[in-house]
Amino acid sequence: MEKNDKPGHNKPDNTNGQHNQLTVQVRYQSEAVSVTTNINASVTSLLEKAIVETQNNSVPKERFQLKLDGTVLDPNKKINDYPINNGSLLVLTLLAGGGGNGSIC
């Protein structure tokens, strides 16, 4: 087997006996939830799970972003593209809204 030294590949091979699984903590506002995912999944997949676990299903996923140590995770990348390990803390935040189209007189 070939060794892969890319960031995020220094994780244990299992969590709860599941190969390539890891569990992270996702904080939204003041509460944190556990989210289990595959290290080969997309950041979008993790984002969708985090939205469900934090009970934010009524808000479109495009309005959210995940951050790791202040860095916004690219939803088009895979989880293993980042140095995310078991127990890592990710922060789920709403994107800043546009100012709208109205003008103030």
PDB file of N, CA and C in Angstrom:
ATOM      1  N   MET A   1       0.837  -1.177   0.000  1.00  0.00           N
ATOM      2  CA  MET A   1       0.000   0.000   0.000  1.00  0.00           C
ATOM      3  C   MET A   1       0.883   1.241   0.000  1.00  0.00           C
ATOM      4  N   GLU A   2       0.553   2.207  -0.806  1.00  0.00           N
ATOM      5  CA  GLU A   2       1.304   3.433  -0.948  1.00  0.00           C
ATOM      6  C   GLU A   2       0.934   4.413   0.153  1.00  0.00           C
ATOM      7  N   LYS A   3       1.945   5.074   0.717  1.00  0.00           N
ATOM      8  CA  LYS A   3       1.703   6.056   1.775  1.00  0.00           C
ATOM      9  C   LYS A   3       1.287   7.380   1.154  1.00  0.00           C
ATOM     10  N   ASN A   4       0.293   8.015   1.743  1.00  0.00           N
ATOM     11  CA  ASN A   4      -0.183   9.302   1.266  1.00  0.00           C
ATOM     12  C   ASN A   4       0.069  10.324   2.357  1.00  0.00           C
ATOM     13  N   ASP A   5       0.912  11.325   2.077  1.00  0.00           N
ATOM     14  CA  ASP A   5       1.273  12.331   3.077  1.00  0.00           C
ATOM     15  C   ASP A   5       0.506  13.630   2.940  1.00  0.00           C
ATOM     16  N   LYS A   6      -0.580  13.626   2.138  1.00  0.00           N
ATOM     17  CA  LYS A   6      -1.376  14.843   1.996  1.00  0.00           C
ATOM     18  C   LYS A   6      -1.985  15.211   3.337  1.00  0.00           C
ATOM     19  N   PRO A   7      -2.250  16.510   3.565  1.00  0.00           N
ATOM     20  CA  PRO A   7      -2.908  16.907   4.813  1.00  0.00           C
ATOM     21  C   PRO A   7      -4.206  16.137   5.007  1.00  0.00           C
ATOM     22  N   GLY A   8      -4.448  15.761   6.245  1.00  0.00           N
ATOM     23  CA  GLY A   8      -5.688  15.064   6.546  1.00  0.00           C
ATOM     24  C   GLY A   8      -5.572  13.556   6.458  1.00  0.00           C
ATOM     25  N   HIS A   9      -4.428  13.051   5.985  1.00  0.00           N
ATOM     26  CA  HIS A   9      -4.286  11.608   5.839  1.00  0.00           C
ATOM     27  C   HIS A   9      -3.620  10.956   7.043  1.00  0.00           C
ATOM     28  N   ASN A  10      -3.403  11.691   8.104  1.00  0.00           N
ATOM     29  CA  ASN A  10      -2.794  11.118   9.296  1.00  0.00           C
ATOM     30  C   ASN A  10      -3.852  10.684  10.301  1.00  0.00           C
ATOM     31  N   LYS A  11      -5.042  10.395   9.822  1.00  0.00           N
ATOM     32  CA  LYS A  11      -6.145   9.975  10.680  1.00  0.00           C
ATOM     33  C   LYS A  11      -6.059   8.478  10.946  1.00  0.00           C
ATOM     34  N   PRO A  12      -6.640   8.027  12.039  1.00  0.00           N
ATOM     35  CA  PRO A  12      -6.761   6.586  12.230  1.00  0.00           C
ATOM     36  C   PRO A  12      -7.645   5.998  11.136  1.00  0.00           C
ATOM     37  N   ASP A  13      -7.469   4.713  10.858  1.00  0.00           N
ATOM     38  CA  ASP A  13      -8.239   4.064   9.800  1.00  0.00           C
ATOM     39  C   ASP A  13      -9.694   3.856  10.158  1.00  0.00           C
ATOM     40  N   ASN A  14     -10.062   3.988  11.435  1.00  0.00           N
ATOM     41  CA  ASN A  14     -11.457   3.731  11.750  1.00  0.00           C
ATOM     42  C   ASN A  14     -11.927   4.524  12.949  1.00  0.00           C
ATOM     43  N   THR A  15     -13.218   4.665  13.000  1.00  0.00           N
ATOM     44  CA  THR A  15     -13.939   5.224  14.132  1.00  0.00           C
ATOM     45  C   THR A  15     -15.128   4.305  14.315  1.00  0.00           C
ATOM     46  N   ASN A  16     -15.281   3.774  15.494  1.00  0.00           N
ATOM     47  CA  ASN A  16     -16.366   2.826  15.752  1.00  0.00           C
ATOM     48  C   ASN A  16     -16.312   1.647  14.784  1.00  0.00           C
ATOM     49  N   GLY A  17     -15.099   1.229  14.384  1.00  0.00           N
ATOM     50  CA  GLY A  17     -14.962   0.073  13.520  1.00  0.00           C
ATOM     51  C   GLY A  17     -15.249   0.341  12.054  1.00  0.00           C
ATOM     52  N   GLN A  18     -15.494   1.561  11.659  1.00  0.00           N
ATOM     53  CA  GLN A  18     -15.822   1.905  10.280  1.00  0.00           C
ATOM     54  C   GLN A  18     -14.567   2.415   9.578  1.00  0.00           C
ATOM     55  N   HIS A  19     -14.156   1.753   8.502  1.00  0.00           N
ATOM     56  CA  HIS A  19     -12.985   2.155   7.740  1.00  0.00           C
ATOM     57  C   HIS A  19     -13.226   3.513   7.082  1.00  0.00           C
ATOM     58  N   ASN A  20     -12.243   4.391   7.158  1.00  0.00           N
ATOM     59  CA  ASN A  20     -12.276   5.724   6.555  1.00  0.00           C
ATOM     60  C   ASN A  20     -13.329   6.655   7.150  1.00  0.00           C
ATOM     61  N   GLN A  21     -13.823   6.368   8.327  1.00  0.00           N
ATOM     62  CA  GLN A  21     -14.812   7.233   8.975  1.00  0.00           C
ATOM     63  C   GLN A  21     -14.122   8.100  10.019  1.00  0.00           C
ATOM     64  N   LEU A  22     -14.608   9.302  10.195  1.00  0.00           N
ATOM     65  CA  LEU A  22     -14.161  10.122  11.295  1.00  0.00           C
ATOM     66  C   LEU A  22     -15.340  10.914  11.828  1.00  0.00           C
ATOM     67  N   THR A  23     -15.224  11.298  13.082  1.00  0.00           N
ATOM     68  CA  THR A  23     -16.267  12.077  13.737  1.00  0.00           C
ATOM     69  C   THR A  23     -15.675  13.413  14.133  1.00  0.00           C
ATOM     70  N   VAL A  24     -16.333  14.475  13.707  1.00  0.00           N
ATOM     71  CA  VAL A  24     -15.895  15.826  14.030  1.00  0.00           C
ATOM     72  C   VAL A  24     -16.963  16.502  14.879  1.00  0.00           C
ATOM     73  N   GLN A  25     -16.576  17.565  15.517  1.00  0.00           N
ATOM     74  CA  GLN A  25     -17.522  18.394  16.256  1.00  0.00           C
ATOM     75  C   GLN A  25     -17.833  19.598  15.376  1.00  0.00           C
ATOM     76  N   VAL A  26     -19.101  19.898  15.221  1.00  0.00           N
ATOM     77  CA  VAL A  26     -19.520  21.063  14.439  1.00  0.00           C
ATOM     78  C   VAL A  26     -20.259  21.999  15.371  1.00  0.00           C
ATOM     79  N   ARG A  27     -19.739  23.222  15.480  1.00  0.00           N
ATOM     80  CA  ARG A  27     -20.373  24.222  16.345  1.00  0.00           C
ATOM     81  C   ARG A  27     -21.179  25.181  15.492  1.00  0.00           C
ATOM     82  N   TYR A  28     -22.413  25.398  15.914  1.00  0.00           N
ATOM     83  CA  TYR A  28     -23.262  26.416  15.308  1.00  0.00           C
ATOM     84  C   TYR A  28     -23.779  27.282  16.441  1.00  0.00           C
ATOM     85  N   GLN A  29     -23.488  28.553  16.399  1.00  0.00           N
ATOM     86  CA  GLN A  29     -23.778  29.489  17.471  1.00  0.00           C
ATOM     87  C   GLN A  29     -23.104  28.978  18.737  1.00  0.00           C
ATOM     88  N   SER A  30     -23.834  28.614  19.771  1.00  0.00           N
ATOM     89  CA  SER A  30     -23.173  28.204  21.011  1.00  0.00           C
ATOM     90  C   SER A  30     -23.215  26.698  21.257  1.00  0.00           C
ATOM     91  N   GLU A  31     -23.802  25.928  20.352  1.00  0.00           N
ATOM     92  CA  GLU A  31     -23.922  24.492  20.563  1.00  0.00           C
ATOM     93  C   GLU A  31     -23.078  23.717  19.564  1.00  0.00           C
ATOM     94  N   ALA A  32     -22.554  22.579  20.020  1.00  0.00           N
ATOM     95  CA  ALA A  32     -21.764  21.708  19.150  1.00  0.00           C
ATOM     96  C   ALA A  32     -22.440  20.347  19.049  1.00  0.00           C
ATOM     97  N   VAL A  33     -22.358  19.758  17.868  1.00  0.00           N
ATOM     98  CA  VAL A  33     -22.902  18.423  17.627  1.00  0.00           C
ATOM     99  C   VAL A  33     -21.809  17.574  16.998  1.00  0.00           C
ATOM    100  N   SER A  34     -21.952  16.268  17.131  1.00  0.00           N
ATOM    101  CA  SER A  34     -21.023  15.334  16.503  1.00  0.00           C
ATOM    102  C   SER A  34     -21.553  14.947  15.134  1.00  0.00           C
ATOM    103  N   VAL A  35     -20.656  14.910  14.153  1.00  0.00           N
ATOM    104  CA  VAL A  35     -21.023  14.510  12.805  1.00  0.00           C
ATOM    105  C   VAL A  35     -19.999  13.487  12.340  1.00  0.00           C
ATOM    106  N   THR A  36     -20.485  12.323  11.904  1.00  0.00           N
ATOM    107  CA  THR A  36     -19.616  11.271  11.398  1.00  0.00           C
ATOM    108  C   THR A  36     -19.716  11.235   9.886  1.00  0.00           C
ATOM    109  N   THR A  37     -18.564  11.141   9.235  1.00  0.00           N
ATOM    110  CA  THR A  37     -18.533  11.155   7.779  1.00  0.00           C
ATOM    111  C   THR A  37     -17.349  10.337   7.279  1.00  0.00           C
ATOM    112  N   ASN A  38     -17.298  10.110   5.997  1.00  0.00           N
ATOM    113  CA  ASN A  38     -16.194   9.414   5.355  1.00  0.00           C
ATOM    114  C   ASN A  38     -15.137  10.444   4.980  1.00  0.00           C
ATOM    115  N   ILE A  39     -13.864  10.132   5.203  1.00  0.00           N
ATOM    116  CA  ILE A  39     -12.801  11.086   4.901  1.00  0.00           C
ATOM    117  C   ILE A  39     -12.687  11.369   3.410  1.00  0.00           C
ATOM    118  N   ASN A  40     -13.248  10.496   2.567  1.00  0.00           N
ATOM    119  CA  ASN A  40     -13.195  10.693   1.118  1.00  0.00           C
ATOM    120  C   ASN A  40     -14.409  11.439   0.577  1.00  0.00           C
ATOM    121  N   ALA A  41     -15.337  11.798   1.461  1.00  0.00           N
ATOM    122  CA  ALA A  41     -16.548  12.517   1.036  1.00  0.00           C
ATOM    123  C   ALA A  41     -16.211  13.977   0.751  1.00  0.00           C
ATOM    124  N   SER A  42     -17.118  14.637   0.087  1.00  0.00           N
ATOM    125  CA  SER A  42     -16.937  16.062  -0.213  1.00  0.00           C
ATOM    126  C   SER A  42     -17.257  16.904   1.023  1.00  0.00           C
ATOM    127  N   VAL A  43     -16.702  18.095   1.031  1.00  0.00           N
ATOM    128  CA  VAL A  43     -17.031  19.043   2.094  1.00  0.00           C
ATOM    129  C   VAL A  43     -18.521  19.356   2.046  1.00  0.00           C
ATOM    130  N   THR A  44     -19.111  19.381   0.847  1.00  0.00           N
ATOM    131  CA  THR A  44     -20.554  19.614   0.713  1.00  0.00           C
ATOM    132  C   THR A  44     -21.348  18.554   1.464  1.00  0.00           C
ATOM    133  N   SER A  45     -20.926  17.309   1.370  1.00  0.00           N
ATOM    134  CA  SER A  45     -21.596  16.221   2.083  1.00  0.00           C
ATOM    135  C   SER A  45     -21.534  16.450   3.597  1.00  0.00           C
ATOM    136  N   LEU A  46     -20.371  16.835   4.086  1.00  0.00           N
ATOM    137  CA  LEU A  46     -20.219  17.128   5.509  1.00  0.00           C
ATOM    138  C   LEU A  46     -21.079  18.329   5.905  1.00  0.00           C
ATOM    139  N   LEU A  47     -21.114  19.340   5.063  1.00  0.00           N
ATOM    140  CA  LEU A  47     -21.939  20.520   5.313  1.00  0.00           C
ATOM    141  C   LEU A  47     -23.410  20.139   5.425  1.00  0.00           C
ATOM    142  N   GLU A  48     -23.886  19.292   4.510  1.00  0.00           N
ATOM    143  CA  GLU A  48     -25.286  18.861   4.540  1.00  0.00           C
ATOM    144  C   GLU A  48     -25.600  18.106   5.828  1.00  0.00           C
ATOM    145  N   LYS A  49     -24.694  17.226   6.260  1.00  0.00           N
ATOM    146  CA  LYS A  49     -24.904  16.495   7.517  1.00  0.00           C
ATOM    147  C   LYS A  49     -24.911  17.450   8.704  1.00  0.00           C
ATOM    148  N   ALA A  50     -24.018  18.435   8.679  1.00  0.00           N
ATOM    149  CA  ALA A  50     -23.950  19.404   9.776  1.00  0.00           C
ATOM    150  C   ALA A  50     -25.234  20.224   9.864  1.00  0.00           C
ATOM    151  N   ILE A  51     -25.783  20.593   8.718  1.00  0.00           N
ATOM    152  CA  ILE A  51     -27.037  21.356   8.699  1.00  0.00           C
ATOM    153  C   ILE A  51     -28.168  20.541   9.318  1.00  0.00           C
ATOM    154  N   VAL A  52     -28.236  19.267   8.993  1.00  0.00           N
ATOM    155  CA  VAL A  52     -29.271  18.391   9.557  1.00  0.00           C
ATOM    156  C   VAL A  52     -29.066  18.243  11.068  1.00  0.00           C
ATOM    157  N   GLU A  53     -27.839  17.963  11.489  1.00  0.00           N
ATOM    158  CA  GLU A  53     -27.561  17.738  12.916  1.00  0.00           C
ATOM    159  C   GLU A  53     -27.794  18.984  13.765  1.00  0.00           C
ATOM    160  N   THR A  54     -27.598  20.161  13.180  1.00  0.00           N
ATOM    161  CA  THR A  54     -27.831  21.399  13.930  1.00  0.00           C
ATOM    162  C   THR A  54     -29.251  21.921  13.747  1.00  0.00           C
ATOM    163  N   GLN A  55     -30.072  21.142  13.062  1.00  0.00           N
ATOM    164  CA  GLN A  55     -31.494  21.449  12.853  1.00  0.00           C
ATOM    165  C   GLN A  55     -31.706  22.775  12.125  1.00  0.00           C
ATOM    166  N   ASN A  56     -30.914  22.977  11.076  1.00  0.00           N
ATOM    167  CA  ASN A  56     -31.046  24.170  10.248  1.00  0.00           C
ATOM    168  C   ASN A  56     -31.589  23.833   8.864  1.00  0.00           C
ATOM    169  N   ASN A  57     -32.415  22.791   8.780  1.00  0.00           N
ATOM    170  CA  ASN A  57     -32.938  22.300   7.500  1.00  0.00           C
ATOM    171  C   ASN A  57     -33.764  23.335   6.748  1.00  0.00           C
ATOM    172  N   SER A  58     -34.293  24.331   7.428  1.00  0.00           N
ATOM    173  CA  SER A  58     -35.166  25.296   6.756  1.00  0.00           C
ATOM    174  C   SER A  58     -34.378  26.367   5.987  1.00  0.00           C
ATOM    175  N   VAL A  59     -33.073  26.398   6.163  1.00  0.00           N
ATOM    176  CA  VAL A  59     -32.236  27.378   5.483  1.00  0.00           C
ATOM    177  C   VAL A  59     -31.496  26.665   4.352  1.00  0.00           C
ATOM    178  N   PRO A  60     -31.473  27.231   3.137  1.00  0.00           N
ATOM    179  CA  PRO A  60     -30.770  26.587   2.022  1.00  0.00           C
ATOM    180  C   PRO A  60     -29.285  26.390   2.331  1.00  0.00           C
ATOM    181  N   LYS A  61     -28.747  25.245   1.937  1.00  0.00           N
ATOM    182  CA  LYS A  61     -27.350  24.929   2.251  1.00  0.00           C
ATOM    183  C   LYS A  61     -26.374  25.939   1.648  1.00  0.00           C
ATOM    184  N   GLU A  62     -26.780  26.599   0.573  1.00  0.00           N
ATOM    185  CA  GLU A  62     -25.914  27.585  -0.069  1.00  0.00           C
ATOM    186  C   GLU A  62     -25.658  28.797   0.823  1.00  0.00           C
ATOM    187  N   ARG A  63     -26.451  28.950   1.874  1.00  0.00           N
ATOM    188  CA  ARG A  63     -26.290  30.077   2.795  1.00  0.00           C
ATOM    189  C   ARG A  63     -25.308  29.777   3.922  1.00  0.00           C
ATOM    190  N   PHE A  64     -24.771  28.544   3.969  1.00  0.00           N
ATOM    191  CA  PHE A  64     -23.863  28.138   5.037  1.00  0.00           C
ATOM    192  C   PHE A  64     -22.461  27.893   4.516  1.00  0.00           C
ATOM    193  N   GLN A  65     -21.518  27.965   5.434  1.00  0.00           N
ATOM    194  CA  GLN A  65     -20.150  27.563   5.145  1.00  0.00           C
ATOM    195  C   GLN A  65     -19.573  26.888   6.379  1.00  0.00           C
ATOM    196  N   LEU A  66     -18.567  26.049   6.166  1.00  0.00           N
ATOM    197  CA  LEU A  66     -17.847  25.410   7.264  1.00  0.00           C
ATOM    198  C   LEU A  66     -16.460  26.012   7.344  1.00  0.00           C
ATOM    199  N   LYS A  67     -15.996  26.215   8.580  1.00  0.00           N
ATOM    200  CA  LYS A  67     -14.660  26.760   8.796  1.00  0.00           C
ATOM    201  C   LYS A  67     -13.864  25.825   9.699  1.00  0.00           C
ATOM    202  N   LEU A  68     -12.582  25.747   9.422  1.00  0.00           N
ATOM    203  CA  LEU A  68     -11.632  25.021  10.255  1.00  0.00           C
ATOM    204  C   LEU A  68     -10.544  26.014  10.641  1.00  0.00           C
ATOM    205  N   ASP A  69     -10.440  26.307  11.920  1.00  0.00           N
ATOM    206  CA  ASP A  69      -9.452  27.278  12.405  1.00  0.00           C
ATOM    207  C   ASP A  69      -9.517  28.601  11.644  1.00  0.00           C
ATOM    208  N   GLY A  70     -10.725  29.076  11.340  1.00  0.00           N
ATOM    209  CA  GLY A  70     -10.903  30.345  10.672  1.00  0.00           C
ATOM    210  C   GLY A  70     -10.814  30.291   9.150  1.00  0.00           C
ATOM    211  N   THR A  71     -10.421  29.146   8.606  1.00  0.00           N
ATOM    212  CA  THR A  71     -10.320  28.984   7.158  1.00  0.00           C
ATOM    213  C   THR A  71     -11.615  28.410   6.620  1.00  0.00           C
ATOM    214  N   VAL A  72     -12.198  29.065   5.618  1.00  0.00           N
ATOM    215  CA  VAL A  72     -13.418  28.562   4.996  1.00  0.00           C
ATOM    216  C   VAL A  72     -13.070  27.360   4.134  1.00  0.00           C
ATOM    217  N   LEU A  73     -13.801  26.258   4.343  1.00  0.00           N
ATOM    218  CA  LEU A  73     -13.567  25.042   3.567  1.00  0.00           C
ATOM    219  C   LEU A  73     -14.261  25.149   2.211  1.00  0.00           C
ATOM    220  N   ASP A  74     -13.540  24.813   1.163  1.00  0.00           N
ATOM    221  CA  ASP A  74     -14.075  24.840  -0.196  1.00  0.00           C
ATOM    222  C   ASP A  74     -15.039  23.671  -0.359  1.00  0.00           C
ATOM    223  N   PRO A  75     -16.322  23.930  -0.638  1.00  0.00           N
ATOM    224  CA  PRO A  75     -17.295  22.836  -0.748  1.00  0.00           C
ATOM    225  C   PRO A  75     -17.010  21.882  -1.904  1.00  0.00           C
ATOM    226  N   ASN A  76     -16.168  22.278  -2.845  1.00  0.00           N
ATOM    227  CA  ASN A  76     -15.840  21.417  -3.984  1.00  0.00           C
ATOM    228  C   ASN A  76     -14.680  20.470  -3.704  1.00  0.00           C
ATOM    229  N   LYS A  77     -14.042  20.637  -2.547  1.00  0.00           N
ATOM    230  CA  LYS A  77     -12.926  19.756  -2.187  1.00  0.00           C
ATOM    231  C   LYS A  77     -13.420  18.601  -1.328  1.00  0.00           C
ATOM    232  N   LYS A  78     -12.536  17.653  -1.113  1.00  0.00           N
ATOM    233  CA  LYS A  78     -12.845  16.507  -0.256  1.00  0.00           C
ATOM    234  C   LYS A  78     -12.370  16.792   1.168  1.00  0.00           C
ATOM    235  N   ILE A  79     -12.959  16.094   2.100  1.00  0.00           N
ATOM    236  CA  ILE A  79     -12.600  16.272   3.505  1.00  0.00           C
ATOM    237  C   ILE A  79     -11.120  15.977   3.719  1.00  0.00           C
ATOM    238  N   ASN A  80     -10.601  14.945   3.036  1.00  0.00           N
ATOM    239  CA  ASN A  80      -9.205  14.587   3.244  1.00  0.00           C
ATOM    240  C   ASN A  80      -8.231  15.551   2.567  1.00  0.00           C
ATOM    241  N   ASP A  81      -8.727  16.606   1.920  1.00  0.00           N
ATOM    242  CA  ASP A  81      -7.863  17.664   1.397  1.00  0.00           C
ATOM    243  C   ASP A  81      -7.447  18.630   2.505  1.00  0.00           C
ATOM    244  N   TYR A  82      -8.070  18.507   3.665  1.00  0.00           N
ATOM    245  CA  TYR A  82      -7.806  19.388   4.798  1.00  0.00           C
ATOM    246  C   TYR A  82      -7.274  18.575   5.965  1.00  0.00           C
ATOM    247  N   PRO A  83      -6.559  19.224   6.901  1.00  0.00           N
ATOM    248  CA  PRO A  83      -6.041  18.510   8.079  1.00  0.00           C
ATOM    249  C   PRO A  83      -7.122  18.312   9.144  1.00  0.00           C
ATOM    250  N   ILE A  84      -8.176  17.604   8.754  1.00  0.00           N
ATOM    251  CA  ILE A  84      -9.297  17.336   9.656  1.00  0.00           C
ATOM    252  C   ILE A  84      -9.101  15.945  10.246  1.00  0.00           C
ATOM    253  N   ASN A  85      -9.116  15.857  11.561  1.00  0.00           N
ATOM    254  CA  ASN A  85      -8.921  14.598  12.278  1.00  0.00           C
ATOM    255  C   ASN A  85     -10.132  14.302  13.145  1.00  0.00           C
ATOM    256  N   ASN A  86     -10.177  13.090  13.704  1.00  0.00           N
ATOM    257  CA  ASN A  86     -11.221  12.761  14.666  1.00  0.00           C
ATOM    258  C   ASN A  86     -11.227  13.810  15.768  1.00  0.00           C
ATOM    259  N   GLY A  87     -12.404  14.345  16.066  1.00  0.00           N
ATOM    260  CA  GLY A  87     -12.541  15.317  17.130  1.00  0.00           C
ATOM    261  C   GLY A  87     -12.274  16.751  16.729  1.00  0.00           C
ATOM    262  N   SER A  88     -11.860  16.991  15.478  1.00  0.00           N
ATOM    263  CA  SER A  88     -11.625  18.370  15.028  1.00  0.00           C
ATOM    264  C   SER A  88     -12.892  19.196  15.219  1.00  0.00           C
ATOM    265  N   LEU A  89     -12.709  20.473  15.539  1.00  0.00           N
ATOM    266  CA  LEU A  89     -13.839  21.375  15.705  1.00  0.00           C
ATOM    267  C   LEU A  89     -13.988  22.210  14.443  1.00  0.00           C
ATOM    268  N   LEU A  90     -15.139  22.077  13.802  1.00  0.00           N
ATOM    269  CA  LEU A  90     -15.487  22.892  12.649  1.00  0.00           C
ATOM    270  C   LEU A  90     -16.591  23.843  13.083  1.00  0.00           C
ATOM    271  N   VAL A  91     -16.653  24.995  12.441  1.00  0.00           N
ATOM    272  CA  VAL A  91     -17.668  25.982  12.778  1.00  0.00           C
ATOM    273  C   VAL A  91     -18.576  26.167  11.574  1.00  0.00           C
ATOM    274  N   LEU A  92     -19.870  26.022  11.802  1.00  0.00           N
ATOM    275  CA  LEU A  92     -20.882  26.235  10.777  1.00  0.00           C
ATOM    276  C   LEU A  92     -21.382  27.666  10.923  1.00  0.00           C
ATOM    277  N   THR A  93     -21.269  28.443   9.844  1.00  0.00           N
ATOM    278  CA  THR A  93     -21.697  29.839   9.896  1.00  0.00           C
ATOM    279  C   THR A  93     -22.570  30.173   8.698  1.00  0.00           C
ATOM    280  N   LEU A  94     -23.424  31.147   8.884  1.00  0.00           N
ATOM    281  CA  LEU A  94     -24.213  31.687   7.782  1.00  0.00           C
ATOM    282  C   LEU A  94     -23.351  32.665   7.007  1.00  0.00           C
ATOM    283  N   LEU A  95     -23.498  32.643   5.700  1.00  0.00           N
ATOM    284  CA  LEU A  95     -22.804  33.629   4.877  1.00  0.00           C
ATOM    285  C   LEU A  95     -23.442  34.991   5.104  1.00  0.00           C
ATOM    286  N   ALA A  96     -22.659  36.022   4.985  1.00  0.00           N
ATOM    287  CA  ALA A  96     -23.204  37.366   5.105  1.00  0.00           C
ATOM    288  C   ALA A  96     -24.174  37.607   3.964  1.00  0.00           C
ATOM    289  N   GLY A  97     -25.316  38.202   4.273  1.00  0.00           N
ATOM    290  CA  GLY A  97     -26.333  38.445   3.249  1.00  0.00           C
ATOM    291  C   GLY A  97     -25.980  39.626   2.370  1.00  0.00           C
ATOM    292  N   GLY A  98     -26.572  39.628   1.201  1.00  0.00           N
ATOM    293  CA  GLY A  98     -26.426  40.784   0.316  1.00  0.00           C
ATOM    294  C   GLY A  98     -27.263  41.927   0.866  1.00  0.00           C
ATOM    295  N   GLY A  99     -26.972  43.101   0.523  1.00  0.00           N
ATOM    296  CA  GLY A  99     -27.665  44.262   1.073  1.00  0.00           C
ATOM    297  C   GLY A  99     -29.057  44.458   0.530  1.00  0.00           C
ATOM    298  N   GLY A 100     -29.479  43.641  -0.425  1.00  0.00           N
ATOM    299  CA  GLY A 100     -30.795  43.835  -1.003  1.00  0.00           C
ATOM    300  C   GLY A 100     -30.731  44.822  -2.159  1.00  0.00           C
ATOM    301  N   ASN A 101     -31.842  45.005  -2.823  1.00  0.00           N
ATOM    302  CA  ASN A 101     -31.881  45.874  -3.991  1.00  0.00           C
ATOM    303  C   ASN A 101     -32.527  47.217  -3.725  1.00  0.00           C
ATOM    304  N   GLY A 102     -33.062  47.388  -2.544  1.00  0.00           N
ATOM    305  CA  GLY A 102     -33.745  48.649  -2.242  1.00  0.00           C
ATOM    306  C   GLY A 102     -32.764  49.768  -1.980  1.00  0.00           C
ATOM    307  N   SER A 103     -33.226  50.974  -2.118  1.00  0.00           N
ATOM    308  CA  SER A 103     -32.385  52.136  -1.804  1.00  0.00           C
ATOM    309  C   SER A 103     -33.013  52.884  -0.641  1.00  0.00           C
ATOM    310  N   ILE A 104     -32.162  53.579   0.070  1.00  0.00           N
ATOM    311  CA  ILE A 104     -32.620  54.371   1.210  1.00  0.00           C
ATOM    312  C   ILE A 104     -32.681  55.816   0.773  1.00  0.00           C
ATOM    313  N   CYS A 105     -33.818  56.433   1.006  1.00  0.00           N
ATOM    314  CA  CYS A 105     -33.989  57.837   0.608  1.00  0.00           C
ATOM    315  C   CYS A 105     -33.648  58.760   1.746  1.00  0.00           C
TER     316      CYS A 105
END
